[in-house]
PDB file of N, CA and C in Angstrom:
ATOM      1  N   ASN A   1      70.048   3.246  94.410  1.00  0.00           N
ATOM      2  CA  ASN A   1      71.430   3.598  94.661  1.00  0.00           C
ATOM      3  C   ASN A   1      72.403   2.617  94.006  1.00  0.00           C
ATOM      4  N   VAL A   2      71.992   2.017  92.908  1.00  0.00           N
ATOM      5  CA  VAL A   2      72.869   1.089  92.182  1.00  0.00           C
ATOM      6  C   VAL A   2      73.837   1.879  91.308  1.00  0.00           C
ATOM      7  N   LYS A   3      75.110   1.521  91.371  1.00  0.00           N
ATOM      8  CA  LYS A   3      76.109   2.126  90.491  1.00  0.00           C
ATOM      9  C   LYS A   3      76.651   1.028  89.584  1.00  0.00           C
ATOM     10  N   VAL A   4      76.417   1.160  88.287  1.00  0.00           N
ATOM     11  CA  VAL A   4      76.909   0.188  87.311  1.00  0.00           C
ATOM     12  C   VAL A   4      78.399   0.424  87.109  1.00  0.00           C
ATOM     13  N   LEU A   5      79.182  -0.654  87.222  1.00  0.00           N
ATOM     14  CA  LEU A   5      80.634  -0.574  87.098  1.00  0.00           C
ATOM     15  C   LEU A   5      81.139  -1.030  85.736  1.00  0.00           C
ATOM     16  N   ALA A   6      80.402  -1.932  85.087  1.00  0.00           N
ATOM     17  CA  ALA A   6      80.811  -2.451  83.776  1.00  0.00           C
ATOM     18  C   ALA A   6      79.570  -2.923  83.024  1.00  0.00           C
ATOM     19  N   THR A   7      79.604  -2.772  81.701  1.00  0.00           N
ATOM     20  CA  THR A   7      78.493  -3.206  80.856  1.00  0.00           C
ATOM     21  C   THR A   7      79.028  -3.986  79.663  1.00  0.00           C
ATOM     22  N   THR A   8      78.117  -4.648  78.985  1.00  0.00           N
ATOM     23  CA  THR A   8      78.437  -5.289  77.714  1.00  0.00           C
ATOM     24  C   THR A   8      77.275  -5.035  76.763  1.00  0.00           C
ATOM     25  N   THR A   9      77.551  -5.077  75.481  1.00  0.00           N
ATOM     26  CA  THR A   9      76.514  -4.941  74.467  1.00  0.00           C
ATOM     27  C   THR A   9      76.449  -6.240  73.689  1.00  0.00           C
ATOM     28  N   PHE A  10      75.285  -6.855  73.684  1.00  0.00           N
ATOM     29  CA  PHE A  10      75.104  -8.119  72.982  1.00  0.00           C
ATOM     30  C   PHE A  10      74.857  -7.886  71.498  1.00  0.00           C
ATOM     31  N   SER A  11      75.253  -8.860  70.708  1.00  0.00           N
ATOM     32  CA  SER A  11      74.989  -8.806  69.272  1.00  0.00           C
ATOM     33  C   SER A  11      73.746  -9.633  68.965  1.00  0.00           C
ATOM     34  N   ASP A  12      73.243  -9.481  67.757  1.00  0.00           N
ATOM     35  CA  ASP A  12      72.097 -10.279  67.325  1.00  0.00           C
ATOM     36  C   ASP A  12      72.443 -11.758  67.251  1.00  0.00           C
ATOM     37  N   LYS A  13      73.726 -12.090  67.200  1.00  0.00           N
ATOM     38  CA  LYS A  13      74.138 -13.491  67.103  1.00  0.00           C
ATOM     39  C   LYS A  13      73.783 -14.262  68.369  1.00  0.00           C
ATOM     40  N   SER A  14      73.784 -13.582  69.524  1.00  0.00           N
ATOM     41  CA  SER A  14      73.426 -14.235  70.786  1.00  0.00           C
ATOM     42  C   SER A  14      71.956 -14.626  70.770  1.00  0.00           C
ATOM     43  N   ALA A  15      71.120 -13.678  70.465  1.00  0.00           N
ATOM     44  CA  ALA A  15      69.671 -13.875  70.354  1.00  0.00           C
ATOM     45  C   ALA A  15      69.112 -12.609  69.714  1.00  0.00           C
ATOM     46  N   ASN A  16      68.195 -12.761  68.778  1.00  0.00           N
ATOM     47  CA  ASN A  16      67.731 -11.595  68.029  1.00  0.00           C
ATOM     48  C   ASN A  16      67.040 -10.551  68.908  1.00  0.00           C
ATOM     49  N   TRP A  17      66.450 -10.947  70.017  1.00  0.00           N
ATOM     50  CA  TRP A  17      65.746 -10.007  70.884  1.00  0.00           C
ATOM     51  C   TRP A  17      66.686  -9.167  71.752  1.00  0.00           C
ATOM     52  N   ILE A  18      67.936  -9.603  71.890  1.00  0.00           N
ATOM     53  CA  ILE A  18      68.858  -8.901  72.787  1.00  0.00           C
ATOM     54  C   ILE A  18      69.865  -8.033  72.029  1.00  0.00           C
ATOM     55  N   GLY A  19      69.920  -8.173  70.712  1.00  0.00           N
ATOM     56  CA  GLY A  19      70.908  -7.455  69.910  1.00  0.00           C
ATOM     57  C   GLY A  19      70.895  -5.951  70.134  1.00  0.00           C
ATOM     58  N   GLY A  20      72.070  -5.397  70.406  1.00  0.00           N
ATOM     59  CA  GLY A  20      72.221  -3.966  70.597  1.00  0.00           C
ATOM     60  C   GLY A  20      71.921  -3.460  71.998  1.00  0.00           C
ATOM     61  N   ASN A  21      71.396  -4.323  72.863  1.00  0.00           N
ATOM     62  CA  ASN A  21      71.088  -3.897  74.231  1.00  0.00           C
ATOM     63  C   ASN A  21      72.341  -3.848  75.093  1.00  0.00           C
ATOM     64  N   VAL A  22      72.442  -2.807  75.885  1.00  0.00           N
ATOM     65  CA  VAL A  22      73.547  -2.660  76.835  1.00  0.00           C
ATOM     66  C   VAL A  22      73.086  -3.257  78.163  1.00  0.00           C
ATOM     67  N   ILE A  23      73.847  -4.223  78.669  1.00  0.00           N
ATOM     68  CA  ILE A  23      73.480  -4.964  79.875  1.00  0.00           C
ATOM     69  C   ILE A  23      74.559  -4.776  80.938  1.00  0.00           C
ATOM     70  N   PRO A  24      74.176  -4.441  82.180  1.00  0.00           N
ATOM     71  CA  PRO A  24      75.178  -4.361  83.252  1.00  0.00           C
ATOM     72  C   PRO A  24      75.759  -5.746  83.545  1.00  0.00           C
ATOM     73  N   VAL A  25      77.064  -5.817  83.738  1.00  0.00           N
ATOM     74  CA  VAL A  25      77.699  -7.088  84.115  1.00  0.00           C
ATOM     75  C   VAL A  25      78.379  -6.994  85.480  1.00  0.00           C
ATOM     76  N   ALA A  26      78.517  -5.785  86.009  1.00  0.00           N
ATOM     77  CA  ALA A  26      79.051  -5.600  87.361  1.00  0.00           C
ATOM     78  C   ALA A  26      78.437  -4.332  87.937  1.00  0.00           C
ATOM     79  N   TRP A  27      77.961  -4.441  89.178  1.00  0.00           N
ATOM     80  CA  TRP A  27      77.379  -3.280  89.836  1.00  0.00           C
ATOM     81  C   TRP A  27      77.561  -3.384  91.339  1.00  0.00           C
ATOM     82  N   LYS A  28      77.356  -2.246  92.018  1.00  0.00           N
ATOM     83  CA  LYS A  28      77.438  -2.219  93.473  1.00  0.00           C
ATOM     84  C   LYS A  28      76.316  -1.351  94.012  1.00  0.00           C
ATOM     85  N   LYS A  29      75.944  -1.597  95.271  1.00  0.00           N
ATOM     86  CA  LYS A  29      74.926  -0.782  95.921  1.00  0.00           C
ATOM     87  C   LYS A  29      75.034  -0.930  97.422  1.00  0.00           C
ATOM     88  N   LEU A  30      74.471   0.025  98.127  1.00  0.00           N
ATOM     89  CA  LEU A  30      74.345  -0.054  99.574  1.00  0.00           C
ATOM     90  C   LEU A  30      72.997  -0.687  99.878  1.00  0.00           C
ATOM     91  N   TYR A  31      72.948  -1.542 100.905  1.00  0.00           N
ATOM     92  CA  TYR A  31      71.701  -2.193 101.299  1.00  0.00           C
ATOM     93  C   TYR A  31      71.644  -2.191 102.820  1.00  0.00           C
ATOM     94  N   GLY A  32      70.781  -1.376 103.367  1.00  0.00           N
ATOM     95  CA  GLY A  32      70.748  -1.226 104.823  1.00  0.00           C
ATOM     96  C   GLY A  32      72.100  -0.721 105.302  1.00  0.00           C
ATOM     97  N   LYS A  33      72.706  -1.454 106.243  1.00  0.00           N
ATOM     98  CA  LYS A  33      74.038  -1.091 106.723  1.00  0.00           C
ATOM     99  C   LYS A  33      75.128  -1.857 105.984  1.00  0.00           C
ATOM    100  N   GLY A  34      74.731  -2.628 104.970  1.00  0.00           N
ATOM    101  CA  GLY A  34      75.697  -3.452 104.246  1.00  0.00           C
ATOM    102  C   GLY A  34      75.978  -2.953 102.843  1.00  0.00           C
ATOM    103  N   ARG A  35      76.812  -3.702 102.168  1.00  0.00           N
ATOM    104  CA  ARG A  35      77.200  -3.396 100.793  1.00  0.00           C
ATOM    105  C   ARG A  35      76.997  -4.642  99.937  1.00  0.00           C
ATOM    106  N   VAL A  36      76.560  -4.428  98.701  1.00  0.00           N
ATOM    107  CA  VAL A  36      76.334  -5.527  97.760  1.00  0.00           C
ATOM    108  C   VAL A  36      77.179  -5.276  96.520  1.00  0.00           C
ATOM    109  N   PHE A  37      77.924  -6.294  96.096  1.00  0.00           N
ATOM    110  CA  PHE A  37      78.674  -6.251  94.841  1.00  0.00           C
ATOM    111  C   PHE A  37      78.225  -7.446  94.019  1.00  0.00           C
ATOM    112  N   TYR A  38      77.934  -7.218  92.736  1.00  0.00           N
ATOM    113  CA  TYR A  38      77.526  -8.294  91.835  1.00  0.00           C
ATOM    114  C   TYR A  38      78.361  -8.230  90.569  1.00  0.00           C
ATOM    115  N   SER A  39      78.750  -9.397  90.089  1.00  0.00           N
ATOM    116  CA  SER A  39      79.442  -9.499  88.806  1.00  0.00           C
ATOM    117  C   SER A  39      79.025 -10.796  88.136  1.00  0.00           C
ATOM    118  N   SER A  40      78.682 -10.711  86.866  1.00  0.00           N
ATOM    119  CA  SER A  40      78.367 -11.922  86.107  1.00  0.00           C
ATOM    120  C   SER A  40      79.591 -12.432  85.356  1.00  0.00           C
ATOM    121  N   LEU A  41      80.742 -11.796  85.575  1.00  0.00           N
ATOM    122  CA  LEU A  41      81.982 -12.255  84.948  1.00  0.00           C
ATOM    123  C   LEU A  41      82.432 -13.553  85.608  1.00  0.00           C
ATOM    124  N   GLY A  42      83.120 -14.389  84.859  1.00  0.00           N
ATOM    125  CA  GLY A  42      83.715 -15.580  85.449  1.00  0.00           C
ATOM    126  C   GLY A  42      82.827 -16.801  85.427  1.00  0.00           C
ATOM    127  N   HIS A  43      82.290 -17.128  84.274  1.00  0.00           N
ATOM    128  CA  HIS A  43      81.488 -18.342  84.170  1.00  0.00           C
ATOM    129  C   HIS A  43      82.350 -19.591  84.346  1.00  0.00           C
ATOM    130  N   VAL A  44      83.613 -19.486  83.986  1.00  0.00           N
ATOM    131  CA  VAL A  44      84.575 -20.580  84.194  1.00  0.00           C
ATOM    132  C   VAL A  44      85.837 -19.970  84.802  1.00  0.00           C
ATOM    133  N   ALA A  45      86.588 -20.772  85.548  1.00  0.00           N
ATOM    134  CA  ALA A  45      87.779 -20.273  86.249  1.00  0.00           C
ATOM    135  C   ALA A  45      88.770 -19.603  85.302  1.00  0.00           C
ATOM    136  N   ALA A  46      88.888 -20.108  84.083  1.00  0.00           N
ATOM    137  CA  ALA A  46      89.850 -19.545  83.126  1.00  0.00           C
ATOM    138  C   ALA A  46      89.539 -18.086  82.790  1.00  0.00           C
ATOM    139  N   ASP A  47      88.286 -17.655  82.990  1.00  0.00           N
ATOM    140  CA  ASP A  47      87.940 -16.252  82.735  1.00  0.00           C
ATOM    141  C   ASP A  47      88.782 -15.308  83.585  1.00  0.00           C
ATOM    142  N   PHE A  48      89.218 -15.781  84.737  1.00  0.00           N
ATOM    143  CA  PHE A  48      89.994 -14.929  85.634  1.00  0.00           C
ATOM    144  C   PHE A  48      91.480 -14.929  85.310  1.00  0.00           C
ATOM    145  N   SER A  49      91.853 -15.574  84.218  1.00  0.00           N
ATOM    146  CA  SER A  49      93.224 -15.426  83.730  1.00  0.00           C
ATOM    147  C   SER A  49      93.368 -14.083  83.007  1.00  0.00           C
ATOM    148  N   VAL A  50      92.241 -13.434  82.749  1.00  0.00           N
ATOM    149  CA  VAL A  50      92.238 -12.072  82.207  1.00  0.00           C
ATOM    150  C   VAL A  50      92.426 -11.132  83.400  1.00  0.00           C
ATOM    151  N   PRO A  51      93.550 -10.428  83.467  1.00  0.00           N
ATOM    152  CA  PRO A  51      93.850  -9.615  84.655  1.00  0.00           C
ATOM    153  C   PRO A  51      92.751  -8.616  85.018  1.00  0.00           C
ATOM    154  N   GLN A  52      92.106  -8.027  84.027  1.00  0.00           N
ATOM    155  CA  GLN A  52      91.068  -7.034  84.300  1.00  0.00           C
ATOM    156  C   GLN A  52      89.855  -7.675  84.979  1.00  0.00           C
ATOM    157  N   ALA A  53      89.486  -8.880  84.555  1.00  0.00           N
ATOM    158  CA  ALA A  53      88.351  -9.574  85.174  1.00  0.00           C
ATOM    159  C   ALA A  53      88.663  -9.924  86.622  1.00  0.00           C
ATOM    160  N   LEU A  54      89.870 -10.388  86.874  1.00  0.00           N
ATOM    161  CA  LEU A  54      90.285 -10.715  88.237  1.00  0.00           C
ATOM    162  C   LEU A  54      90.321  -9.457  89.101  1.00  0.00           C
ATOM    163  N   GLU A  55      90.788  -8.361  88.546  1.00  0.00           N
ATOM    164  CA  GLU A  55      90.872  -7.106  89.300  1.00  0.00           C
ATOM    165  C   GLU A  55      89.488  -6.589  89.679  1.00  0.00           C
ATOM    166  N   ILE A  56      88.514  -6.697  88.774  1.00  0.00           N
ATOM    167  CA  ILE A  56      87.146  -6.284  89.089  1.00  0.00           C
ATOM    168  C   ILE A  56      86.626  -7.091  90.273  1.00  0.00           C
ATOM    169  N   GLN A  57      86.845  -8.412  90.255  1.00  0.00           N
ATOM    170  CA  GLN A  57      86.388  -9.266  91.358  1.00  0.00           C
ATOM    171  C   GLN A  57      87.066  -8.878  92.669  1.00  0.00           C
ATOM    172  N   LYS A  58      88.377  -8.722  92.641  1.00  0.00           N
ATOM    173  CA  LYS A  58      89.116  -8.369  93.861  1.00  0.00           C
ATOM    174  C   LYS A  58      88.611  -7.057  94.456  1.00  0.00           C
ATOM    175  N   ARG A  59      88.510  -6.040  93.613  1.00  0.00           N
ATOM    176  CA  ARG A  59      88.082  -4.729  94.109  1.00  0.00           C
ATOM    177  C   ARG A  59      86.647  -4.768  94.613  1.00  0.00           C
ATOM    178  N   GLY A  60      85.799  -5.519  93.918  1.00  0.00           N
ATOM    179  CA  GLY A  60      84.406  -5.636  94.354  1.00  0.00           C
ATOM    180  C   GLY A  60      84.291  -6.306  95.707  1.00  0.00           C
ATOM    181  N   ILE A  61      85.051  -7.363  95.911  1.00  0.00           N
ATOM    182  CA  ILE A  61      85.029  -8.063  97.198  1.00  0.00           C
ATOM    183  C   ILE A  61      85.581  -7.169  98.302  1.00  0.00           C
ATOM    184  N   LEU A  62      86.676  -6.484  98.032  1.00  0.00           N
ATOM    185  CA  LEU A  62      87.242  -5.567  99.030  1.00  0.00           C
ATOM    186  C   LEU A  62      86.245  -4.465  99.389  1.00  0.00           C
ATOM    187  N   TRP A  63      85.572  -3.916  98.388  1.00  0.00           N
ATOM    188  CA  TRP A  63      84.588  -2.868  98.649  1.00  0.00           C
ATOM    189  C   TRP A  63      83.438  -3.427  99.481  1.00  0.00           C
ATOM    190  N   ALA A  64      82.930  -4.615  99.108  1.00  0.00           N
ATOM    191  CA  ALA A  64      81.784  -5.197  99.804  1.00  0.00           C
ATOM    192  C   ALA A  64      82.098  -5.512 101.263  1.00  0.00           C
ATOM    193  N   CYS A  65      83.310  -5.936 101.541  1.00  0.00           N
ATOM    194  CA  CYS A  65      83.669  -6.247 102.933  1.00  0.00           C
ATOM    195  C   CYS A  65      84.249  -5.026 103.636  1.00  0.00           C
ATOM    196  N   MET A  66      84.225  -3.894 102.970  1.00  0.00           N
ATOM    197  CA  MET A  66      84.662  -2.611 103.514  1.00  0.00           C
ATOM    198  C   MET A  66      86.113  -2.641 103.980  1.00  0.00           C
ATOM    199  N   SER A  67      86.934  -3.430 103.330  1.00  0.00           N
ATOM    200  CA  SER A  67      88.328  -3.540 103.744  1.00  0.00           C
ATOM    201  C   SER A  67      89.147  -2.386 103.192  1.00  0.00           C
ATOM    202  N   LYS A  68      89.659  -1.600 104.092  1.00  0.00           N
ATOM    203  CA  LYS A  68      90.574  -0.530 103.722  1.00  0.00           C
ATOM    204  C   LYS A  68      91.987  -0.912 104.141  1.00  0.00           C
ATOM    205  N   TYR A  69      92.109  -2.100 104.699  1.00  0.00           N
ATOM    206  CA  TYR A  69      93.369  -2.482 105.319  1.00  0.00           C
ATOM    207  C   TYR A  69      94.118  -3.573 104.569  1.00  0.00           C
ATOM    208  N   GLU A  70      93.443  -4.275 103.673  1.00  0.00           N
ATOM    209  CA  GLU A  70      94.052  -5.379 102.934  1.00  0.00           C
ATOM    210  C   GLU A  70      94.186  -4.960 101.481  1.00  0.00           C
ATOM    211  N   PRO A  71      95.354  -4.490 101.043  1.00  0.00           N
ATOM    212  CA  PRO A  71      95.503  -4.083  99.645  1.00  0.00           C
ATOM    213  C   PRO A  71      95.321  -5.267  98.688  1.00  0.00           C
ATOM    214  N   ALA A  72      94.692  -5.002  97.541  1.00  0.00           N
ATOM    215  CA  ALA A  72      94.404  -6.066  96.576  1.00  0.00           C
ATOM    216  C   ALA A  72      95.660  -6.788  96.114  1.00  0.00           C
ATOM    217  N   ASP A  73      96.799  -6.094  96.032  1.00  0.00           N
ATOM    218  CA  ASP A  73      98.017  -6.749  95.553  1.00  0.00           C
ATOM    219  C   ASP A  73      98.581  -7.738  96.571  1.00  0.00           C
ATOM    220  N   GLU A  74      98.065  -7.729  97.792  1.00  0.00           N
ATOM    221  CA  GLU A  74      98.508  -8.686  98.808  1.00  0.00           C
ATOM    222  C   GLU A  74      97.797 -10.036  98.667  1.00  0.00           C
ATOM    223  N   TRP A  75      96.744 -10.071  97.890  1.00  0.00           N
ATOM    224  CA  TRP A  75      95.959 -11.302  97.764  1.00  0.00           C
ATOM    225  C   TRP A  75      96.764 -12.365  97.048  1.00  0.00           C
ATOM    226  N   LYS A  76      96.580 -13.580  97.453  1.00  0.00           N
ATOM    227  CA  LYS A  76      97.215 -14.698  96.754  1.00  0.00           C
ATOM    228  C   LYS A  76      96.411 -15.001  95.494  1.00  0.00           C
ATOM    229  N   GLN A  77      97.100 -15.432  94.459  1.00  0.00           N
ATOM    230  CA  GLN A  77      96.427 -15.780  93.211  1.00  0.00           C
ATOM    231  C   GLN A  77      95.690 -17.105  93.389  1.00  0.00           C
ATOM    232  N   PRO A  78      94.479 -17.231  92.850  1.00  0.00           N
ATOM    233  CA  PRO A  78      93.745 -18.491  92.965  1.00  0.00           C
ATOM    234  C   PRO A  78      94.408 -19.598  92.156  1.00  0.00           C
ATOM    235  N   VAL A  79      94.152 -20.826  92.566  1.00  0.00           N
ATOM    236  CA  VAL A  79      94.669 -21.991  91.849  1.00  0.00           C
ATOM    237  C   VAL A  79      93.593 -22.423  90.861  1.00  0.00           C
ATOM    238  N   TYR A  80      93.926 -22.384  89.570  1.00  0.00           N
ATOM    239  CA  TYR A  80      92.951 -22.738  88.541  1.00  0.00           C
ATOM    240  C   TYR A  80      92.986 -24.226  88.265  1.00  0.00           C
ATOM    241  N   GLY A  81      91.832 -24.765  87.912  1.00  0.00           N
ATOM    242  CA  GLY A  81      91.753 -26.161  87.504  1.00  0.00           C
ATOM    243  C   GLY A  81      91.627 -27.135  88.655  1.00  0.00           C
ATOM    244  N   LYS A  82      91.673 -26.656  89.893  1.00  0.00           N
ATOM    245  CA  LYS A  82      91.571 -27.543  91.043  1.00  0.00           C
ATOM    246  C   LYS A  82      90.169 -28.119  91.148  1.00  0.00           C
ATOM    247  N   TYR A  83      89.166 -27.281  90.886  1.00  0.00           N
ATOM    248  CA  TYR A  83      87.776 -27.715  90.990  1.00  0.00           C
ATOM    249  C   TYR A  83      87.180 -27.781  89.599  1.00  0.00           C
ATOM    250  N   LYS A  84      86.809 -28.948  89.185  1.00  0.00           N
ATOM    251  CA  LYS A  84      86.207 -29.107  87.852  1.00  0.00           C
ATOM    252  C   LYS A  84      84.844 -29.727  87.967  1.00  0.00           C
TER     253      LYS A  84
END
């Protein structure tokens, strides 16, 4: 019951064995009575200065915690560079 939300395609420049492969980078699934959201986006805090990457994280967290009551636009923006 995994639903892939976002993918990326690697080039041969990354590694010759992975070139051209489509890899999931964000997915969600139901697990028992819970919900699981995974994203490999955001290796460094600056990655979330890209609005789309931040939005994927926000929506994934809201979905995983089943929040229908806290709109994503109400969230406070994270402070970047605090933790290095």
